[in-house]
PDB file of N, CA and C in Angstrom:
ATOM      1  N   MET A   1      14.001  24.908  -0.591  1.00  0.00           N
ATOM      2  CA  MET A   1      13.531  23.747  -1.332  1.00  0.00           C
ATOM      3  C   MET A   1      12.541  24.172  -2.427  1.00  0.00           C
ATOM      4  N   ASN A   2      11.926  25.344  -2.258  1.00  0.00           N
ATOM      5  CA  ASN A   2      10.989  25.828  -3.276  1.00  0.00           C
ATOM      6  C   ASN A   2      11.677  26.071  -4.607  1.00  0.00           C
ATOM      7  N   LYS A   3      12.871  26.675  -4.551  1.00  0.00           N
ATOM      8  CA  LYS A   3      13.619  26.952  -5.780  1.00  0.00           C
ATOM      9  C   LYS A   3      13.952  25.636  -6.485  1.00  0.00           C
ATOM     10  N   PHE A   4      14.421  24.661  -5.714  1.00  0.00           N
ATOM     11  CA  PHE A   4      14.740  23.353  -6.277  1.00  0.00           C
ATOM     12  C   PHE A   4      13.506  22.726  -6.928  1.00  0.00           C
ATOM     13  N   LYS A   5      12.372  22.804  -6.233  1.00  0.00           N
ATOM     14  CA  LYS A   5      11.138  22.219  -6.757  1.00  0.00           C
ATOM     15  C   LYS A   5      10.759  22.859  -8.092  1.00  0.00           C
ATOM     16  N   LYS A   6      10.859  24.174  -8.181  1.00  0.00           N
ATOM     17  CA  LYS A   6      10.533  24.874  -9.433  1.00  0.00           C
ATOM     18  C   LYS A   6      11.496  24.460 -10.547  1.00  0.00           C
ATOM     19  N   GLU A   7      12.796  24.378 -10.223  1.00  0.00           N
ATOM     20  CA  GLU A   7      13.774  23.961 -11.220  1.00  0.00           C
ATOM     21  C   GLU A   7      13.522  22.524 -11.660  1.00  0.00           C
ATOM     22  N   LEU A   8      13.154  21.664 -10.702  1.00  0.00           N
ATOM     23  CA  LEU A   8      12.848  20.276 -11.018  1.00  0.00           C
ATOM     24  C   LEU A   8      11.617  20.182 -11.920  1.00  0.00           C
ATOM     25  N   GLU A   9      10.596  20.969 -11.628  1.00  0.00           N
ATOM     26  CA  GLU A   9       9.412  21.011 -12.495  1.00  0.00           C
ATOM     27  C   GLU A   9       9.828  21.349 -13.926  1.00  0.00           C
ATOM     28  N   HIS A  10      10.707  22.340 -14.058  1.00  0.00           N
ATOM     29  CA  HIS A  10      11.161  22.764 -15.384  1.00  0.00           C
ATOM     30  C   HIS A  10      11.923  21.640 -16.089  1.00  0.00           C
ATOM     31  N   ILE A  11      12.805  20.970 -15.361  1.00  0.00           N
ATOM     32  CA  ILE A  11      13.575  19.861 -15.942  1.00  0.00           C
ATOM     33  C   ILE A  11      12.642  18.739 -16.382  1.00  0.00           C
ATOM     34  N   ILE A  12      11.694  18.398 -15.525  1.00  0.00           N
ATOM     35  CA  ILE A  12      10.726  17.342 -15.850  1.00  0.00           C
ATOM     36  C   ILE A  12       9.950  17.721 -17.095  1.00  0.00           C
ATOM     37  N   ASN A  13       9.486  18.957 -17.150  1.00  0.00           N
ATOM     38  CA  ASN A  13       8.691  19.430 -18.284  1.00  0.00           C
ATOM     39  C   ASN A  13       9.526  19.472 -19.553  1.00  0.00           C
ATOM     40  N   THR A  14      10.716  20.035 -19.458  1.00  0.00           N
ATOM     41  CA  THR A  14      11.587  20.172 -20.627  1.00  0.00           C
ATOM     42  C   THR A  14      11.915  18.824 -21.247  1.00  0.00           C
ATOM     43  N   ASN A  15      12.062  17.820 -20.416  1.00  0.00           N
ATOM     44  CA  ASN A  15      12.418  16.487 -20.902  1.00  0.00           C
ATOM     45  C   ASN A  15      11.206  15.570 -21.076  1.00  0.00           C
ATOM     46  N   SER A  16      10.007  16.118 -20.926  1.00  0.00           N
ATOM     47  CA  SER A  16       8.739  15.387 -21.086  1.00  0.00           C
ATOM     48  C   SER A  16       8.658  14.136 -20.214  1.00  0.00           C
ATOM     49  N   ILE A  17       9.241  14.203 -19.025  1.00  0.00           N
ATOM     50  CA  ILE A  17       9.222  13.063 -18.103  1.00  0.00           C
ATOM     51  C   ILE A  17       7.800  12.773 -17.635  1.00  0.00           C
ATOM     52  N   GLU A  18       6.976  13.818 -17.552  1.00  0.00           N
ATOM     53  CA  GLU A  18       5.597  13.614 -17.097  1.00  0.00           C
ATOM     54  C   GLU A  18       4.838  12.630 -17.978  1.00  0.00           C
ATOM     55  N   ASN A  19       5.267  12.488 -19.232  1.00  0.00           N
ATOM     56  CA  ASN A  19       4.608  11.543 -20.149  1.00  0.00           C
ATOM     57  C   ASN A  19       4.893  10.094 -19.792  1.00  0.00           C
ATOM     58  N   GLU A  20       5.991   9.857 -19.095  1.00  0.00           N
ATOM     59  CA  GLU A  20       6.365   8.493 -18.719  1.00  0.00           C
ATOM     60  C   GLU A  20       5.381   7.887 -17.711  1.00  0.00           C
ATOM     61  N   CYS A  21       4.793   8.728 -16.876  1.00  0.00           N
ATOM     62  CA  CYS A  21       3.888   8.187 -15.854  1.00  0.00           C
ATOM     63  C   CYS A  21       2.537   8.902 -15.854  1.00  0.00           C
ATOM     64  N   ASP A  22       2.271   9.697 -16.889  1.00  0.00           N
ATOM     65  CA  ASP A  22       0.990  10.391 -17.031  1.00  0.00           C
ATOM     66  C   ASP A  22       0.639  11.182 -15.767  1.00  0.00           C
ATOM     67  N   MET A  23       1.631  11.983 -15.331  1.00  0.00           N
ATOM     68  CA  MET A  23       1.470  12.784 -14.127  1.00  0.00           C
ATOM     69  C   MET A  23       2.069  14.165 -14.396  1.00  0.00           C
ATOM     70  N   PRO A  24       1.375  15.224 -14.022  1.00  0.00           N
ATOM     71  CA  PRO A  24       1.893  16.570 -14.280  1.00  0.00           C
ATOM     72  C   PRO A  24       3.256  16.811 -13.627  1.00  0.00           C
ATOM     73  N   ASP A  25       4.061  17.656 -14.271  1.00  0.00           N
ATOM     74  CA  ASP A  25       5.409  17.943 -13.797  1.00  0.00           C
ATOM     75  C   ASP A  25       5.429  18.456 -12.360  1.00  0.00           C
ATOM     76  N   PHE A  26       4.473  19.310 -11.985  1.00  0.00           N
ATOM     77  CA  PHE A  26       4.482  19.862 -10.634  1.00  0.00           C
ATOM     78  C   PHE A  26       4.200  18.801  -9.577  1.00  0.00           C
ATOM     79  N   ILE A  27       3.384  17.796  -9.913  1.00  0.00           N
ATOM     80  CA  ILE A  27       3.106  16.714  -8.962  1.00  0.00           C
ATOM     81  C   ILE A  27       4.336  15.814  -8.832  1.00  0.00           C
ATOM     82  N   LEU A  28       4.990  15.505  -9.944  1.00  0.00           N
ATOM     83  CA  LEU A  28       6.219  14.706  -9.882  1.00  0.00           C
ATOM     84  C   LEU A  28       7.295  15.416  -9.055  1.00  0.00           C
ATOM     85  N   ALA A  29       7.459  16.711  -9.301  1.00  0.00           N
ATOM     86  CA  ALA A  29       8.461  17.481  -8.548  1.00  0.00           C
ATOM     87  C   ALA A  29       8.120  17.496  -7.066  1.00  0.00           C
ATOM     88  N   GLU A  30       6.862  17.668  -6.744  1.00  0.00           N
ATOM     89  CA  GLU A  30       6.424  17.670  -5.342  1.00  0.00           C
ATOM     90  C   GLU A  30       6.708  16.319  -4.685  1.00  0.00           C
ATOM     91  N   MET A  31       6.486  15.228  -5.436  1.00  0.00           N
ATOM     92  CA  MET A  31       6.734  13.890  -4.914  1.00  0.00           C
ATOM     93  C   MET A  31       8.230  13.695  -4.639  1.00  0.00           C
ATOM     94  N   VAL A  32       9.093  14.102  -5.561  1.00  0.00           N
ATOM     95  CA  VAL A  32      10.539  13.954  -5.376  1.00  0.00           C
ATOM     96  C   VAL A  32      11.010  14.770  -4.171  1.00  0.00           C
ATOM     97  N   VAL A  33      10.540  16.006  -4.064  1.00  0.00           N
ATOM     98  CA  VAL A  33      10.901  16.858  -2.927  1.00  0.00           C
ATOM     99  C   VAL A  33      10.443  16.215  -1.619  1.00  0.00           C
ATOM    100  N   GLY A  34       9.232  15.659  -1.625  1.00  0.00           N
ATOM    101  CA  GLY A  34       8.722  14.978  -0.436  1.00  0.00           C
ATOM    102  C   GLY A  34       9.582  13.799  -0.032  1.00  0.00           C
ATOM    103  N   ILE A  35      10.035  13.029  -1.016  1.00  0.00           N
ATOM    104  CA  ILE A  35      10.904  11.890  -0.739  1.00  0.00           C
ATOM    105  C   ILE A  35      12.212  12.361  -0.121  1.00  0.00           C
ATOM    106  N   ILE A  36      12.806  13.411  -0.691  1.00  0.00           N
ATOM    107  CA  ILE A  36      14.062  13.945  -0.165  1.00  0.00           C
ATOM    108  C   ILE A  36      13.881  14.403   1.280  1.00  0.00           C
ATOM    109  N   GLU A  37      12.782  15.086   1.562  1.00  0.00           N
ATOM    110  CA  GLU A  37      12.532  15.571   2.921  1.00  0.00           C
ATOM    111  C   GLU A  37      12.363  14.425   3.905  1.00  0.00           C
ATOM    112  N   VAL A  38      11.650  13.376   3.499  1.00  0.00           N
ATOM    113  CA  VAL A  38      11.440  12.222   4.381  1.00  0.00           C
ATOM    114  C   VAL A  38      12.754  11.495   4.623  1.00  0.00           C
ATOM    115  N   ILE A  39      13.537  11.281   3.560  1.00  0.00           N
ATOM    116  CA  ILE A  39      14.820  10.598   3.701  1.00  0.00           C
ATOM    117  C   ILE A  39      15.757  11.433   4.578  1.00  0.00           C
ATOM    118  N   GLY A  40      15.770  12.753   4.360  1.00  0.00           N
ATOM    119  CA  GLY A  40      16.621  13.623   5.173  1.00  0.00           C
ATOM    120  C   GLY A  40      16.284  13.533   6.645  1.00  0.00           C
ATOM    121  N   LYS A  41      15.009  13.563   6.961  1.00  0.00           N
ATOM    122  CA  LYS A  41      14.582  13.479   8.367  1.00  0.00           C
ATOM    123  C   LYS A  41      14.966  12.128   8.966  1.00  0.00           C
ATOM    124  N   ALA A  42      14.726  11.051   8.206  1.00  0.00           N
ATOM    125  CA  ALA A  42      15.064   9.716   8.700  1.00  0.00           C
ATOM    126  C   ALA A  42      16.576   9.573   8.877  1.00  0.00           C
ATOM    127  N   SER A  43      17.362  10.118   7.945  1.00  0.00           N
ATOM    128  CA  SER A  43      18.823  10.049   8.057  1.00  0.00           C
ATOM    129  C   SER A  43      19.302  10.773   9.307  1.00  0.00           C
ATOM    130  N   LYS A  44      18.731  11.947   9.569  1.00  0.00           N
ATOM    131  CA  LYS A  44      19.116  12.709  10.755  1.00  0.00           C
ATOM    132  C   LYS A  44      18.740  11.957  12.031  1.00  0.00           C
ATOM    133  N   GLN A  45      17.570  11.325  12.037  1.00  0.00           N
ATOM    134  CA  GLN A  45      17.166  10.544  13.206  1.00  0.00           C
ATOM    135  C   GLN A  45      18.125   9.369  13.416  1.00  0.00           C
ATOM    136  N   ASN A  46      18.536   8.724  12.326  1.00  0.00           N
ATOM    137  CA  ASN A  46      19.474   7.612  12.411  1.00  0.00           C
ATOM    138  C   ASN A  46      20.823   8.084  12.965  1.00  0.00           C
ATOM    139  N   LEU A  47      21.315   9.215  12.474  1.00  0.00           N
ATOM    140  CA  LEU A  47      22.581   9.754  12.978  1.00  0.00           C
ATOM    141  C   LEU A  47      22.476  10.100  14.462  1.00  0.00           C
ATOM    142  N   ASP A  48      21.355  10.694  14.865  1.00  0.00           N
ATOM    143  CA  ASP A  48      21.145  11.006  16.278  1.00  0.00           C
ATOM    144  C   ASP A  48      21.154   9.728  17.111  1.00  0.00           C
ATOM    145  N   TRP A  49      20.497   8.705  16.620  1.00  0.00           N
ATOM    146  CA  TRP A  49      20.431   7.439  17.339  1.00  0.00           C
ATOM    147  C   TRP A  49      21.830   6.851  17.515  1.00  0.00           C
ATOM    148  N   HIS A  50      22.691   7.006  16.479  1.00  0.00           N
ATOM    149  CA  HIS A  50      24.061   6.497  16.541  1.00  0.00           C
ATOM    150  C   HIS A  50      25.000   7.460  17.259  1.00  0.00           C
ATOM    151  N   GLY A  51      24.480   8.626  17.658  1.00  0.00           N
ATOM    152  CA  GLY A  51      25.286   9.574  18.412  1.00  0.00           C
ATOM    153  C   GLY A  51      26.271  10.358  17.576  1.00  0.00           C
ATOM    154  N   THR A  52      25.912  10.662  16.337  1.00  0.00           N
ATOM    155  CA  THR A  52      26.803  11.427  15.475  1.00  0.00           C
ATOM    156  C   THR A  52      26.094  12.659  14.933  1.00  0.00           C
ATOM    157  N   ASP A  53      26.889  13.694  14.618  1.00  0.00           N
ATOM    158  CA  ASP A  53      26.331  14.878  13.965  1.00  0.00           C
ATOM    159  C   ASP A  53      26.229  14.635  12.471  1.00  0.00           C
ATOM    160  N   SER A  54      27.169  13.871  11.953  1.00  0.00           N
ATOM    161  CA  SER A  54      27.180  13.452  10.559  1.00  0.00           C
ATOM    162  C   SER A  54      27.999  12.181  10.511  1.00  0.00           C
ATOM    163  N   ILE A  55      28.118  11.601   9.353  1.00  0.00           N
ATOM    164  CA  ILE A  55      28.854  10.351   9.226  1.00  0.00           C
ATOM    165  C   ILE A  55      30.291  10.510   9.725  1.00  0.00           C
ATOM    166  N   CYS A  56      30.910  11.654   9.487  1.00  0.00           N
ATOM    167  CA  CYS A  56      32.332  11.836   9.812  1.00  0.00           C
ATOM    168  C   CYS A  56      32.590  12.517  11.149  1.00  0.00           C
ATOM    169  N   HIS A  57      31.558  12.945  11.870  1.00  0.00           N
ATOM    170  CA  HIS A  57      31.776  13.715  13.093  1.00  0.00           C
ATOM    171  C   HIS A  57      31.008  13.133  14.273  1.00  0.00           C
ATOM    172  N   PRO A  58      31.594  12.170  14.959  1.00  0.00           N
ATOM    173  CA  PRO A  58      30.911  11.591  16.119  1.00  0.00           C
ATOM    174  C   PRO A  58      30.691  12.615  17.221  1.00  0.00           C
ATOM    175  N   LYS A  59      29.554  12.496  17.928  1.00  0.00           N
ATOM    176  CA  LYS A  59      29.254  13.386  19.055  1.00  0.00           C
ATOM    177  C   LYS A  59      29.952  12.924  20.323  1.00  0.00           C
ATOM    178  N   LYS A  60      30.029  11.623  20.490  1.00  0.00           N
ATOM    179  CA  LYS A  60      30.556  11.115  21.755  1.00  0.00           C
ATOM    180  C   LYS A  60      31.446   9.915  21.494  1.00  0.00           C
ATOM    181  N   GLY A  61      32.252   9.595  22.478  1.00  0.00           N
ATOM    182  CA  GLY A  61      33.064   8.396  22.388  1.00  0.00           C
ATOM    183  C   GLY A  61      34.458   8.603  21.834  1.00  0.00           C
ATOM    184  N   MET A  62      34.740   9.724  21.187  1.00  0.00           N
ATOM    185  CA  MET A  62      36.052   9.926  20.584  1.00  0.00           C
ATOM    186  C   MET A  62      37.158  10.010  21.629  1.00  0.00           C
ATOM    187  N   GLU A  63      36.875  10.565  22.794  1.00  0.00           N
ATOM    188  CA  GLU A  63      37.917  10.655  23.825  1.00  0.00           C
ATOM    189  C   GLU A  63      38.372   9.263  24.245  1.00  0.00           C
ATOM    190  N   ASP A  64      37.420   8.324  24.368  1.00  0.00           N
ATOM    191  CA  ASP A  64      37.783   6.950  24.712  1.00  0.00           C
ATOM    192  C   ASP A  64      38.591   6.306  23.596  1.00  0.00           C
ATOM    193  N   ILE A  65      38.146   6.512  22.350  1.00  0.00           N
ATOM    194  CA  ILE A  65      38.835   5.910  21.213  1.00  0.00           C
ATOM    195  C   ILE A  65      40.266   6.439  21.113  1.00  0.00           C
ATOM    196  N   LYS A  66      40.459   7.719  21.394  1.00  0.00           N
ATOM    197  CA  LYS A  66      41.802   8.307  21.320  1.00  0.00           C
ATOM    198  C   LYS A  66      42.767   7.646  22.299  1.00  0.00           C
ATOM    199  N   LYS A  67      42.258   7.050  23.370  1.00  0.00           N
ATOM    200  CA  LYS A  67      43.095   6.412  24.380  1.00  0.00           C
ATOM    201  C   LYS A  67      43.481   4.979  24.000  1.00  0.00           C
ATOM    202  N   TRP A  68      42.808   4.394  23.010  1.00  0.00           N
ATOM    203  CA  TRP A  68      43.123   3.030  22.607  1.00  0.00           C
ATOM    204  C   TRP A  68      44.495   2.973  21.953  1.00  0.00           C
ATOM    205  N   THR A  69      45.192   1.860  22.150  1.00  0.00           N
ATOM    206  CA  THR A  69      46.430   1.624  21.410  1.00  0.00           C
ATOM    207  C   THR A  69      46.058   1.251  19.978  1.00  0.00           C
ATOM    208  N   GLN A  70      47.032   1.227  19.087  1.00  0.00           N
ATOM    209  CA  GLN A  70      46.767   0.816  17.712  1.00  0.00           C
ATOM    210  C   GLN A  70      46.181  -0.586  17.668  1.00  0.00           C
ATOM    211  N   GLU A  71      46.721  -1.469  18.475  1.00  0.00           N
ATOM    212  CA  GLU A  71      46.239  -2.859  18.481  1.00  0.00           C
ATOM    213  C   GLU A  71      44.788  -2.933  18.969  1.00  0.00           C
ATOM    214  N   GLU A  72      44.479  -2.175  20.034  1.00  0.00           N
ATOM    215  CA  GLU A  72      43.106  -2.165  20.550  1.00  0.00           C
ATOM    216  C   GLU A  72      42.143  -1.617  19.498  1.00  0.00           C
ATOM    217  N   LEU A  73      42.568  -0.569  18.830  1.00  0.00           N
ATOM    218  CA  LEU A  73      41.712   0.029  17.815  1.00  0.00           C
ATOM    219  C   LEU A  73      41.462  -0.950  16.673  1.00  0.00           C
ATOM    220  N   GLN A  74      42.505  -1.616  16.195  1.00  0.00           N
ATOM    221  CA  GLN A  74      42.339  -2.588  15.116  1.00  0.00           C
ATOM    222  C   GLN A  74      41.399  -3.718  15.538  1.00  0.00           C
ATOM    223  N   LYS A  75      41.564  -4.191  16.760  1.00  0.00           N
ATOM    224  CA  LYS A  75      40.706  -5.273  17.263  1.00  0.00           C
ATOM    225  C   LYS A  75      39.250  -4.818  17.320  1.00  0.00           C
ATOM    226  N   ASN A  76      39.016  -3.603  17.829  1.00  0.00           N
ATOM    227  CA  ASN A  76      37.654  -3.104  17.936  1.00  0.00           C
ATOM    228  C   ASN A  76      37.030  -2.839  16.569  1.00  0.00           C
ATOM    229  N   ILE A  77      37.814  -2.380  15.620  1.00  0.00           N
ATOM    230  CA  ILE A  77      37.286  -2.194  14.263  1.00  0.00           C
ATOM    231  C   ILE A  77      36.861  -3.538  13.698  1.00  0.00           C
ATOM    232  N   ARG A  78      37.726  -4.535  13.870  1.00  0.00           N
ATOM    233  CA  ARG A  78      37.478  -5.861  13.298  1.00  0.00           C
ATOM    234  C   ARG A  78      36.229  -6.517  13.897  1.00  0.00           C
ATOM    235  N   THR A  79      35.975  -6.296  15.189  1.00  0.00           N
ATOM    236  CA  THR A  79      34.917  -7.049  15.861  1.00  0.00           C
ATOM    237  C   THR A  79      33.630  -6.280  16.139  1.00  0.00           C
ATOM    238  N   ASN A  80      33.683  -4.951  16.170  1.00  0.00           N
ATOM    239  CA  ASN A  80      32.525  -4.214  16.674  1.00  0.00           C
ATOM    240  C   ASN A  80      31.856  -3.260  15.700  1.00  0.00           C
ATOM    241  N   PHE A  81      32.367  -3.132  14.500  1.00  0.00           N
ATOM    242  CA  PHE A  81      31.812  -2.135  13.595  1.00  0.00           C
ATOM    243  C   PHE A  81      31.139  -2.767  12.398  1.00  0.00           C
ATOM    244  N   ASP A  82      30.083  -2.097  11.914  1.00  0.00           N
ATOM    245  CA  ASP A  82      29.451  -2.537  10.679  1.00  0.00           C
ATOM    246  C   ASP A  82      30.259  -1.991   9.503  1.00  0.00           C
ATOM    247  N   TYR A  83      29.839  -2.269   8.293  1.00  0.00           N
ATOM    248  CA  TYR A  83      30.579  -1.923   7.077  1.00  0.00           C
ATOM    249  C   TYR A  83      30.936  -0.437   7.019  1.00  0.00           C
ATOM    250  N   GLY A  84      29.927   0.435   7.158  1.00  0.00           N
ATOM    251  CA  GLY A  84      30.156   1.872   7.041  1.00  0.00           C
ATOM    252  C   GLY A  84      31.017   2.422   8.156  1.00  0.00           C
ATOM    253  N   ALA A  85      30.778   1.970   9.364  1.00  0.00           N
ATOM    254  CA  ALA A  85      31.565   2.447  10.498  1.00  0.00           C
ATOM    255  C   ALA A  85      33.022   2.016  10.352  1.00  0.00           C
ATOM    256  N   THR A  86      33.252   0.839   9.802  1.00  0.00           N
ATOM    257  CA  THR A  86      34.617   0.378   9.572  1.00  0.00           C
ATOM    258  C   THR A  86      35.335   1.306   8.608  1.00  0.00           C
ATOM    259  N   VAL A  87      34.642   1.702   7.545  1.00  0.00           N
ATOM    260  CA  VAL A  87      35.238   2.593   6.551  1.00  0.00           C
ATOM    261  C   VAL A  87      35.617   3.933   7.183  1.00  0.00           C
ATOM    262  N   ILE A  88      34.676   4.517   7.918  1.00  0.00           N
ATOM    263  CA  ILE A  88      34.925   5.821   8.544  1.00  0.00           C
ATOM    264  C   ILE A  88      36.059   5.713   9.558  1.00  0.00           C
ATOM    265  N   THR A  89      36.000   4.698  10.400  1.00  0.00           N
ATOM    266  CA  THR A  89      37.012   4.530  11.440  1.00  0.00           C
ATOM    267  C   THR A  89      38.384   4.267  10.820  1.00  0.00           C
ATOM    268  N   ALA A  90      38.424   3.514   9.724  1.00  0.00           N
ATOM    269  CA  ALA A  90      39.699   3.251   9.058  1.00  0.00           C
ATOM    270  C   ALA A  90      40.310   4.544   8.526  1.00  0.00           C
ATOM    271  N   ALA A  91      39.490   5.434   7.990  1.00  0.00           N
ATOM    272  CA  ALA A  91      39.991   6.720   7.498  1.00  0.00           C
ATOM    273  C   ALA A  91      40.567   7.538   8.652  1.00  0.00           C
ATOM    274  N   LEU A  92      39.865   7.545   9.792  1.00  0.00           N
ATOM    275  CA  LEU A  92      40.356   8.273  10.960  1.00  0.00           C
ATOM    276  C   LEU A  92      41.627   7.629  11.511  1.00  0.00           C
ATOM    277  N   TYR A  93      41.683   6.316  11.489  1.00  0.00           N
ATOM    278  CA  TYR A  93      42.875   5.582  11.938  1.00  0.00           C
ATOM    279  C   TYR A  93      44.082   5.995  11.091  1.00  0.00           C
ATOM    280  N   LYS A  94      43.883   6.041   9.772  1.00  0.00           N
ATOM    281  CA  LYS A  94      44.981   6.452   8.882  1.00  0.00           C
ATOM    282  C   LYS A  94      45.405   7.883   9.189  1.00  0.00           C
ATOM    283  N   LYS A  95      44.440   8.742   9.528  1.00  0.00           N
ATOM    284  CA  LYS A  95      44.764  10.123   9.879  1.00  0.00           C
ATOM    285  C   LYS A  95      45.658  10.159  11.120  1.00  0.00           C
ATOM    286  N   LEU A  96      45.355   9.289  12.084  1.00  0.00           N
ATOM    287  CA  LEU A  96      46.122   9.264  13.334  1.00  0.00           C
ATOM    288  C   LEU A  96      47.472   8.562  13.205  1.00  0.00           C
ATOM    289  N   TYR A  97      47.497   7.426  12.483  1.00  0.00           N
ATOM    290  CA  TYR A  97      48.679   6.568  12.483  1.00  0.00           C
ATOM    291  C   TYR A  97      49.410   6.493  11.141  1.00  0.00           C
ATOM    292  N   GLY A  98      48.867   7.132  10.099  1.00  0.00           N
ATOM    293  CA  GLY A  98      49.551   7.160   8.813  1.00  0.00           C
ATOM    294  C   GLY A  98      49.384   5.920   7.955  1.00  0.00           C
ATOM    295  N   GLU A  99      48.585   4.977   8.405  1.00  0.00           N
ATOM    296  CA  GLU A  99      48.331   3.758   7.629  1.00  0.00           C
ATOM    297  C   GLU A  99      46.943   3.234   7.974  1.00  0.00           C
ATOM    298  N   PHE A 100      46.392   2.427   7.078  1.00  0.00           N
ATOM    299  CA  PHE A 100      45.095   1.832   7.369  1.00  0.00           C
ATOM    300  C   PHE A 100      45.276   0.677   8.350  1.00  0.00           C
ATOM    301  N   PRO A 101      44.269   0.429   9.187  1.00  0.00           N
ATOM    302  CA  PRO A 101      44.378  -0.677  10.149  1.00  0.00           C
ATOM    303  C   PRO A 101      44.383  -2.021   9.431  1.00  0.00           C
ATOM    304  N   LYS A 102      45.012  -2.984  10.055  1.00  0.00           N
ATOM    305  CA  LYS A 102      45.023  -4.344   9.512  1.00  0.00           C
ATOM    306  C   LYS A 102      43.880  -5.095  10.190  1.00  0.00           C
ATOM    307  N   CYS A 103      42.702  -4.963   9.581  1.00  0.00           N
ATOM    308  CA  CYS A 103      41.516  -5.546  10.223  1.00  0.00           C
ATOM    309  C   CYS A 103      40.636  -6.296   9.235  1.00  0.00           C
ATOM    310  N   GLY A 104      41.168  -6.659   8.083  1.00  0.00           N
ATOM    311  CA  GLY A 104      40.414  -7.479   7.136  1.00  0.00           C
ATOM    312  C   GLY A 104      39.361  -6.725   6.348  1.00  0.00           C
ATOM    313  N   MET A 105      39.629  -5.469   6.003  1.00  0.00           N
ATOM    314  CA  MET A 105      38.665  -4.720   5.193  1.00  0.00           C
ATOM    315  C   MET A 105      38.675  -5.231   3.760  1.00  0.00           C
ATOM    316  N   SER A 106      37.522  -5.145   3.098  1.00  0.00           N
ATOM    317  CA  SER A 106      37.455  -5.517   1.689  1.00  0.00           C
ATOM    318  C   SER A 106      38.116  -4.430   0.850  1.00  0.00           C
ATOM    319  N   GLY A 107      38.422  -4.745  -0.394  1.00  0.00           N
ATOM    320  CA  GLY A 107      39.010  -3.762  -1.298  1.00  0.00           C
ATOM    321  C   GLY A 107      38.119  -2.549  -1.465  1.00  0.00           C
ATOM    322  N   GLN A 108      36.812  -2.780  -1.515  1.00  0.00           N
ATOM    323  CA  GLN A 108      35.865  -1.670  -1.664  1.00  0.00           C
ATOM    324  C   GLN A 108      35.876  -0.784  -0.424  1.00  0.00           C
ATOM    325  N   GLN A 109      35.949  -1.388   0.752  1.00  0.00           N
ATOM    326  CA  GLN A 109      36.021  -0.599   1.985  1.00  0.00           C
ATOM    327  C   GLN A 109      37.279   0.261   2.002  1.00  0.00           C
ATOM    328  N   VAL A 110      38.398  -0.301   1.556  1.00  0.00           N
ATOM    329  CA  VAL A 110      39.648   0.458   1.516  1.00  0.00           C
ATOM    330  C   VAL A 110      39.508   1.645   0.561  1.00  0.00           C
ATOM    331  N   GLU A 111      38.898   1.419  -0.589  1.00  0.00           N
ATOM    332  CA  GLU A 111      38.713   2.510  -1.555  1.00  0.00           C
ATOM    333  C   GLU A 111      37.839   3.615  -0.970  1.00  0.00           C
ATOM    334  N   PHE A 112      36.751   3.243  -0.313  1.00  0.00           N
ATOM    335  CA  PHE A 112      35.891   4.241   0.338  1.00  0.00           C
ATOM    336  C   PHE A 112      36.668   4.992   1.415  1.00  0.00           C
ATOM    337  N   ALA A 113      37.440   4.251   2.215  1.00  0.00           N
ATOM    338  CA  ALA A 113      38.214   4.879   3.296  1.00  0.00           C
ATOM    339  C   ALA A 113      39.249   5.844   2.725  1.00  0.00           C
ATOM    340  N   LYS A 114      39.888   5.486   1.605  1.00  0.00           N
ATOM    341  CA  LYS A 114      40.860   6.376   0.961  1.00  0.00           C
ATOM    342  C   LYS A 114      40.183   7.682   0.545  1.00  0.00           C
ATOM    343  N   HIS A 115      38.997   7.544  -0.033  1.00  0.00           N
ATOM    344  CA  HIS A 115      38.268   8.732  -0.481  1.00  0.00           C
ATOM    345  C   HIS A 115      37.914   9.633   0.706  1.00  0.00           C
ATOM    346  N   ILE A 116      37.441   9.042   1.776  1.00  0.00           N
ATOM    347  CA  ILE A 116      37.101   9.822   2.972  1.00  0.00           C
ATOM    348  C   ILE A 116      38.357  10.455   3.555  1.00  0.00           C
ATOM    349  N   PHE A 117      39.426   9.676   3.645  1.00  0.00           N
ATOM    350  CA  PHE A 117      40.696  10.179   4.193  1.00  0.00           C
ATOM    351  C   PHE A 117      41.151  11.425   3.436  1.00  0.00           C
ATOM    352  N   GLU A 118      41.046  11.385   2.119  1.00  0.00           N
ATOM    353  CA  GLU A 118      41.481  12.514   1.291  1.00  0.00           C
ATOM    354  C   GLU A 118      40.691  13.785   1.572  1.00  0.00           C
ATOM    355  N   HIS A 119      39.490  13.635   2.125  1.00  0.00           N
ATOM    356  CA  HIS A 119      38.625  14.795   2.374  1.00  0.00           C
ATOM    357  C   HIS A 119      38.539  15.184   3.848  1.00  0.00           C
ATOM    358  N   LEU A 120      39.303  14.505   4.690  1.00  0.00           N
ATOM    359  CA  LEU A 120      39.305  14.882   6.108  1.00  0.00           C
ATOM    360  C   LEU A 120      40.037  16.216   6.274  1.00  0.00           C
ATOM    361  N   PRO A 121      39.564  17.040   7.191  1.00  0.00           N
ATOM    362  CA  PRO A 121      40.261  18.310   7.424  1.00  0.00           C
ATOM    363  C   PRO A 121      41.640  18.066   8.040  1.00  0.00           C
ATOM    364  N   VAL A 122      42.489  19.048   7.888  1.00  0.00           N
ATOM    365  CA  VAL A 122      43.845  18.936   8.445  1.00  0.00           C
ATOM    366  C   VAL A 122      43.770  18.865   9.960  1.00  0.00           C
ATOM    367  N   LYS A 123      42.944  19.718  10.582  1.00  0.00           N
ATOM    368  CA  LYS A 123      42.763  19.710  12.040  1.00  0.00           C
ATOM    369  C   LYS A 123      41.381  19.158  12.351  1.00  0.00           C
ATOM    370  N   TYR A 124      41.255  18.456  13.459  1.00  0.00           N
ATOM    371  CA  TYR A 124      39.965  17.957  13.911  1.00  0.00           C
ATOM    372  C   TYR A 124      39.921  17.979  15.402  1.00  0.00           C
TER     373      TYR A 124
END
């Protein structure tokens, strides 16, 4: 993170961003780095709380989900998932069944799921 901070200081200085808030470039860079570190820690705590290693790699529960029929999976997506989880689960559903679930996703959710699907590994 030190290298990034130094590069950020240079970018801030080169573009005279410090003049926008009357704060030296090194203090602005330190503040941005601090924000990134705090957000990163909070994001990791949130993922741990939800039982995932990352957004796309659940730690637990996948064995149960693999046993669901297509209909059960669609029903559970429709009734039990928030916006982001629906997108991720829909991408995984398409990986398993070759199509997105029929669960009332918005157009934006489908677009996000398509993007995630395109980046899923061949084996999981």
